[in-house]
Amino acid sequence: MTYNENFFDAALNKRLKDRLDTLIPWQDQVVKYMMNYLVDTKDQQQLKGCDCFIHIVAKIRFNLEAATSLFSFLYNDYRFKTSVNVLYRTIIDDIINSYYLFCTVALGDPDQNALINELNILHKEYIVSVLKGLESERQFEKILKTLKNEEIGVYEDYLDEFRKANPDLFNTDGNLKKNSEIRATTDPFFLKLYNQNDGNPRSFISESKKLEFIAARNVGTESNIAAMYKYLSQYQHYSPKMRDYIQHHIEYDISIYQKSLGEILILLNQLFQFMKFNNKNNLETEWERLTPLVFNSFSEDLH
């Protein structure tokens, strides 16, 4: 007997199997559309910095396809949603970042100062993570050398390499810039919407702060995204309640997967506003055909 057969009644398992059977082909179609969407940007000169959206959409596509490959495990054991939900959590996080960056695009600014500055801040966060990782690695090496009675020696200053490679992110004193300093060329219109604590140059912009900024730009979908992100995050982080989440069936989880497809399609449509494609009209026509079919296929489940 499988886990699902042992712990859940046959009627529920049949209903969830049917829902998965409905979801999978539509998810495959969304992935196929995303592949065409990405290919159609080839050789197109995007607005400055806007290649980032191509990279994010590609990342979403890979995670979406990986999630599909794990669905087969769910038919016999709902607990495998643990892995599936972590992938969807990443997908929703990428959607949040897409809107966060999307909301800084100014069509009249050839330099895209606001967008470039936010990309630099995200790159600074990456550097901070790398530096923390390197420091942890060195501490571990020191422990091993101490246990082996080996000389620890003197390590080279890896921070200096980052200063040389990223001069725009460091002050003249060699320290990382605060976000407000990186945003020196950002239009004041955007600055008043950030509402972020800028005291520590090594702090990160939280997802909640990104969602606040998105809400301030009146995107209109941030509440749905926030709710999905909060739920899926339970599978990313441990809590004492996690065991109950894992052992539960996947009725609600399937709804999350369905809503994720909808949010992806909405995002792709938003990017039509400023992204350049070889055959934009064909992509828009296909979007108009596919999107209502995807939403209608899930309409009974989502209400």
Protein backbone atom coordinates (compact mmCIF):
# COMPACT_ATOMS: atom_id res chain seq x y z
CA MET A 1 0.00 0.00 0.00
CA THR A 2 1.23 3.48 -0.81
CA TYR A 3 1.38 6.26 1.78
CA ASN A 4 -1.64 7.99 0.23
CA GLU A 5 -3.71 4.80 0.15
CA ASN A 6 -2.84 4.05 3.74
CA PHE A 7 -3.63 7.45 5.27
CA PHE A 8 -6.27 9.05 3.01
CA ASP A 9 -9.61 7.83 1.70
CA ALA A 10 -10.03 6.67 -1.88
CA ALA A 11 -12.42 9.50 -2.85
CA LEU A 12 -9.90 12.18 -1.83
CA ASN A 13 -7.04 10.41 -3.60
CA LYS A 14 -9.15 10.12 -6.76
CA ARG A 15 -10.06 13.82 -6.66
CA LEU A 16 -6.45 14.91 -6.14
CA LYS A 17 -5.24 12.57 -8.87
CA ASP A 18 -7.74 14.15 -11.27
CA ARG A 19 -6.59 17.63 -10.25
CA LEU A 20 -2.95 16.72 -10.87
CA ASP A 21 -3.92 15.16 -14.19
CA THR A 22 -5.51 18.49 -15.13
CA LEU A 23 -2.62 20.60 -13.86
CA ILE A 24 0.28 18.81 -15.55
CA PRO A 25 -0.62 19.35 -19.25
CA TRP A 26 -1.44 23.01 -18.64
CA GLN A 27 1.81 23.51 -16.78
CA ASP A 28 3.61 21.88 -19.72
CA GLN A 29 1.92 24.35 -22.08
CA VAL A 30 2.98 27.31 -19.93
CA VAL A 31 6.57 26.02 -19.94
CA LYS A 32 6.44 25.64 -23.72
CA TYR A 33 5.13 29.18 -24.06
CA MET A 34 7.88 30.49 -21.79
CA MET A 35 10.48 28.76 -23.95
CA ASN A 36 9.09 30.46 -27.07
CA TYR A 37 8.91 33.74 -25.15
CA LEU A 38 12.58 33.53 -24.24
CA VAL A 39 13.74 32.45 -27.70
CA ASP A 40 11.87 35.42 -29.19
CA THR A 41 14.09 37.88 -27.28
CA LYS A 42 17.17 36.62 -29.12
CA ASP A 43 19.25 39.38 -30.80
CA GLN A 44 16.91 42.07 -29.43
CA GLN A 45 18.48 45.13 -27.80
CA GLN A 46 16.59 45.64 -24.56
CA LEU A 47 16.40 48.80 -22.50
CA LYS A 48 19.47 49.20 -20.32
CA GLY A 49 19.45 46.64 -17.53
CA CYS A 50 16.29 44.92 -18.75
CA ASP A 51 18.11 41.75 -19.76
CA CYS A 52 17.62 40.87 -16.09
CA PHE A 53 13.99 40.01 -16.82
CA ILE A 54 15.04 37.50 -19.48
CA HIS A 55 17.34 35.86 -16.94
CA ILE A 56 14.61 35.73 -14.27
CA VAL A 57 12.02 34.28 -16.67
CA ALA A 58 14.54 31.61 -17.70
CA LYS A 59 15.11 30.77 -14.03
CA ILE A 60 11.35 30.47 -13.44
CA ARG A 61 11.04 28.21 -16.47
CA PHE A 62 13.72 25.78 -15.22
CA ASN A 63 12.24 25.59 -11.73
CA LEU A 64 8.73 25.13 -13.14
CA GLU A 65 9.85 22.27 -15.35
CA ALA A 66 11.76 20.69 -12.44
CA ALA A 67 8.62 20.91 -10.29
CA THR A 68 6.63 19.12 -12.99
CA SER A 69 9.12 16.26 -12.96
CA LEU A 70 8.45 15.77 -9.23
CA PHE A 71 4.66 15.58 -9.59
CA SER A 72 4.86 11.84 -10.28
CA PHE A 73 5.91 11.29 -6.65
CA LEU A 74 2.76 13.00 -5.37
CA TYR A 75 0.42 10.36 -6.78
CA ASN A 76 1.70 7.86 -4.21
CA ASP A 77 3.03 10.06 -1.41
CA TYR A 78 1.81 13.58 -0.72
CA ARG A 79 4.80 14.23 1.53
CA PHE A 80 6.94 14.84 -1.54
CA LYS A 81 5.25 18.23 -1.75
CA THR A 82 8.10 19.24 0.58
CA SER A 83 10.46 19.38 -2.41
CA VAL A 84 7.86 20.62 -4.88
CA ASN A 85 6.84 23.51 -2.64
CA VAL A 86 10.43 24.68 -2.16
CA LEU A 87 10.69 25.01 -5.95
CA TYR A 88 7.42 26.96 -6.12
CA ARG A 89 8.61 29.16 -3.28
CA THR A 90 11.60 30.06 -5.45
CA ILE A 91 9.31 30.71 -8.41
CA ILE A 92 7.14 33.07 -6.38
CA ASP A 93 10.26 34.79 -5.02
CA ASP A 94 11.42 35.33 -8.62
CA ILE A 95 8.02 36.82 -9.45
CA ILE A 96 8.38 39.19 -6.48
CA ASN A 97 11.84 40.24 -7.64
CA SER A 98 10.55 40.68 -11.19
CA TYR A 99 7.82 43.07 -10.08
CA TYR A 100 10.18 44.83 -7.69
CA LEU A 101 12.58 45.56 -10.55
CA PHE A 102 9.78 46.07 -13.07
CA CYS A 103 8.40 48.86 -10.87
CA THR A 104 11.67 50.82 -11.25
CA VAL A 105 11.69 50.83 -15.07
CA ALA A 106 11.24 54.38 -16.41
CA LEU A 107 10.58 54.34 -20.15
CA GLY A 108 11.79 57.92 -20.54
CA ASP A 109 15.18 57.25 -18.91
CA PRO A 110 17.74 55.83 -21.37
CA ASP A 111 20.13 55.20 -18.46
CA GLN A 112 17.50 53.39 -16.35
CA ASN A 113 19.15 54.74 -13.22
CA ALA A 114 16.54 53.43 -10.78
CA LEU A 115 16.64 49.91 -12.24
CA ILE A 116 20.45 49.79 -12.47
CA ASN A 117 20.76 50.99 -8.88
CA GLU A 118 18.43 48.24 -7.60
CA LEU A 119 20.36 45.65 -9.60
CA ASN A 120 23.55 46.95 -7.98
CA ILE A 121 21.95 46.60 -4.55
CA LEU A 122 20.98 43.00 -5.32
CA HIS A 123 24.53 42.40 -6.51
CA LYS A 124 25.83 43.92 -3.28
CA GLU A 125 23.65 41.47 -1.35
CA TYR A 126 25.21 38.67 -3.39
CA ILE A 127 28.69 39.92 -2.49
CA VAL A 128 27.74 40.05 1.21
CA SER A 129 26.56 36.43 1.02
CA VAL A 130 29.74 35.34 -0.74
CA LEU A 131 31.89 37.12 1.84
CA LYS A 132 30.02 35.43 4.69
CA GLY A 133 30.46 32.08 2.95
CA LEU A 134 34.17 32.62 2.44
CA GLU A 135 34.65 33.66 6.05
CA SER A 136 32.79 30.55 7.27
CA GLU A 137 34.90 28.38 4.99
CA ARG A 138 38.10 29.88 6.38
CA GLN A 139 36.92 29.38 9.95
CA PHE A 140 36.27 25.73 9.18
CA GLU A 141 39.72 25.36 7.60
CA LYS A 142 41.27 26.84 10.73
CA ILE A 143 39.42 24.30 12.89
CA LEU A 144 40.68 21.44 10.73
CA LYS A 145 44.26 22.74 10.78
CA THR A 146 44.10 23.14 14.54
CA LEU A 147 42.92 19.56 14.93
CA LYS A 148 45.78 18.38 12.72
CA ASN A 149 48.29 20.59 14.53
CA GLU A 150 49.04 22.36 11.26
CA GLU A 151 50.13 25.96 10.96
CA ILE A 152 47.20 28.21 10.06
CA GLY A 153 49.27 30.83 8.27
CA VAL A 154 48.08 34.16 6.83
CA TYR A 155 45.17 34.36 4.42
CA GLU A 156 45.11 36.86 1.56
CA ASP A 157 42.62 39.71 1.73
CA TYR A 158 39.82 38.43 -0.50
CA LEU A 159 37.75 41.54 0.29
CA ASP A 160 40.27 43.60 -1.66
CA GLU A 161 39.48 41.56 -4.77
CA PHE A 162 35.81 42.45 -4.44
CA ARG A 163 36.67 46.12 -4.00
CA LYS A 164 38.68 46.11 -7.23
CA ALA A 165 36.02 44.16 -9.16
CA ASN A 166 33.10 46.26 -7.89
CA PRO A 167 34.36 49.81 -7.30
CA ASP A 168 30.86 51.33 -7.61
CA LEU A 169 29.67 49.36 -4.57
CA PHE A 170 32.42 50.48 -2.19
CA ASN A 171 33.17 53.84 -0.60
CA THR A 172 36.60 55.47 -0.75
CA ASP A 173 37.19 54.11 2.77
CA GLY A 174 36.84 50.57 1.37
CA ASN A 175 33.50 49.79 3.01
CA LEU A 176 30.35 48.71 1.22
CA LYS A 177 28.00 51.56 0.36
CA LYS A 178 24.62 51.92 2.01
CA ASN A 179 21.61 51.48 -0.24
CA SER A 180 20.90 55.21 -0.07
CA GLU A 181 24.37 55.92 -1.45
CA ILE A 182 23.90 53.48 -4.33
CA ARG A 183 20.55 55.16 -5.05
CA ALA A 184 22.14 58.60 -5.35
CA THR A 185 21.03 58.87 -9.01
CA THR A 186 17.57 57.31 -8.48
CA ASP A 187 14.62 59.58 -9.26
CA PRO A 188 13.11 61.03 -6.03
CA PHE A 189 9.74 59.62 -7.13
CA PHE A 190 11.04 56.12 -6.43
CA LEU A 191 13.01 57.07 -3.33
CA LYS A 192 9.92 58.13 -1.37
CA LEU A 193 8.33 54.71 -2.00
CA TYR A 194 11.12 52.49 -0.64
CA ASN A 195 10.58 53.13 3.09
CA GLN A 196 13.53 50.93 4.05
CA ASN A 197 15.90 50.97 7.00
CA ASP A 198 19.28 51.91 5.57
CA GLY A 199 21.42 51.74 8.69
CA ASN A 200 23.45 48.62 7.92
CA PRO A 201 25.19 48.44 4.52
CA ARG A 202 25.29 44.64 4.85
CA SER A 203 21.56 44.20 5.43
CA PHE A 204 19.28 42.66 2.82
CA ILE A 205 16.05 43.94 1.31
CA SER A 206 13.41 41.60 2.69
CA GLU A 207 10.60 40.17 0.58
CA SER A 208 8.10 42.06 2.75
CA LYS A 209 9.82 45.36 1.90
CA LYS A 210 9.81 44.46 -1.78
CA LEU A 211 6.09 43.71 -1.57
CA GLU A 212 5.50 47.06 0.16
CA PHE A 213 7.23 48.81 -2.73
CA ILE A 214 5.21 46.80 -5.27
CA ALA A 215 2.00 47.72 -3.44
CA ALA A 216 3.01 51.39 -3.49
CA ARG A 217 3.30 51.12 -7.29
CA ASN A 218 -0.25 49.72 -7.48
CA VAL A 219 0.61 46.55 -9.37
CA GLY A 220 -2.54 44.93 -7.96
CA THR A 221 -1.41 41.33 -7.52
CA GLU A 222 0.91 41.64 -4.54
CA SER A 223 -1.58 40.33 -1.96
CA ASN A 224 -2.02 37.05 -3.79
CA ILE A 225 1.74 36.70 -4.28
CA ALA A 226 2.41 37.51 -0.62
CA ALA A 227 -0.08 34.88 0.58
CA MET A 228 1.45 32.18 -1.63
CA TYR A 229 4.97 33.15 -0.61
CA LYS A 230 4.10 32.97 3.11
CA TYR A 231 2.58 29.52 2.75
CA LEU A 232 5.37 28.07 0.61
CA SER A 233 8.01 29.52 2.95
CA GLN A 234 6.82 27.08 5.60
CA TYR A 235 8.51 24.37 3.53
CA GLN A 236 11.74 26.36 3.26
CA HIS A 237 12.15 26.94 7.00
CA TYR A 238 11.71 24.58 9.90
CA SER A 239 9.03 25.05 12.53
CA PRO A 240 7.55 22.58 15.04
CA LYS A 241 4.34 22.67 12.98
CA MET A 242 6.19 21.54 9.86
CA ARG A 243 5.57 17.83 10.47
CA ASP A 244 1.81 18.41 10.28
CA TYR A 245 2.18 20.41 7.05
CA ILE A 246 4.22 17.65 5.44
CA GLN A 247 1.83 14.85 6.40
CA HIS A 248 -1.27 16.66 5.17
CA HIS A 249 -2.76 16.05 1.72
CA ILE A 250 -2.21 18.44 -1.25
CA GLU A 251 -5.64 19.95 -1.92
CA TYR A 252 -4.48 23.47 -1.07
CA ASP A 253 -1.03 22.94 -2.56
CA ILE A 254 -2.47 22.15 -5.98
CA SER A 255 -4.37 25.45 -5.81
CA ILE A 256 -1.06 27.18 -5.12
CA TYR A 257 0.50 25.54 -8.18
CA GLN A 258 -2.44 26.65 -10.30
CA LYS A 259 -2.29 30.21 -9.02
CA SER A 260 1.46 30.22 -9.69
CA LEU A 261 0.82 29.51 -13.37
CA GLY A 262 -1.63 32.39 -13.44
CA GLU A 263 0.86 34.76 -11.80
CA ILE A 264 3.56 33.72 -14.28
CA LEU A 265 1.27 34.47 -17.23
CA ILE A 266 0.28 37.83 -15.74
CA LEU A 267 3.94 38.72 -15.26
CA LEU A 268 4.83 37.76 -18.85
CA ASN A 269 2.06 40.03 -20.07
CA GLN A 270 3.32 42.91 -17.92
CA LEU A 271 6.78 42.56 -19.47
CA PHE A 272 5.26 43.17 -22.90
CA GLN A 273 5.07 46.83 -21.88
CA PHE A 274 8.77 47.44 -22.37
CA MET A 275 10.53 44.23 -23.47
CA LYS A 276 11.47 43.82 -27.12
CA PHE A 277 10.71 40.64 -29.12
CA ASN A 278 11.20 39.45 -32.68
CA ASN A 279 7.53 38.52 -33.09
CA LYS A 280 5.70 40.29 -30.29
CA ASN A 281 2.31 40.14 -32.05
CA ASN A 282 2.52 36.35 -32.33
CA LEU A 283 3.47 36.06 -28.66
CA GLU A 284 0.61 38.31 -27.58
CA THR A 285 -1.86 36.36 -29.71
CA GLU A 286 -0.69 33.09 -28.17
CA TRP A 287 -0.87 34.64 -24.69
CA GLU A 288 -4.47 35.73 -25.34
CA ARG A 289 -5.35 32.19 -26.45
CA LEU A 290 -3.52 30.31 -23.70
CA THR A 291 -4.26 32.43 -20.63
CA PRO A 292 -8.08 32.08 -20.48
CA LEU A 293 -7.76 28.35 -21.17
CA VAL A 294 -5.37 27.96 -18.22
CA PHE A 295 -7.56 30.03 -15.89
CA ASN A 296 -10.79 28.35 -16.99
CA SER A 297 -9.31 24.88 -16.53
CA PHE A 298 -8.81 25.67 -12.85
CA SER A 299 -11.85 27.89 -12.28
CA GLU A 300 -13.83 25.33 -10.29
CA ASP A 301 -10.87 24.59 -8.05
CA LEU A 302 -10.01 28.24 -7.38
CA HIS A 303 -13.46 29.25 -6.17
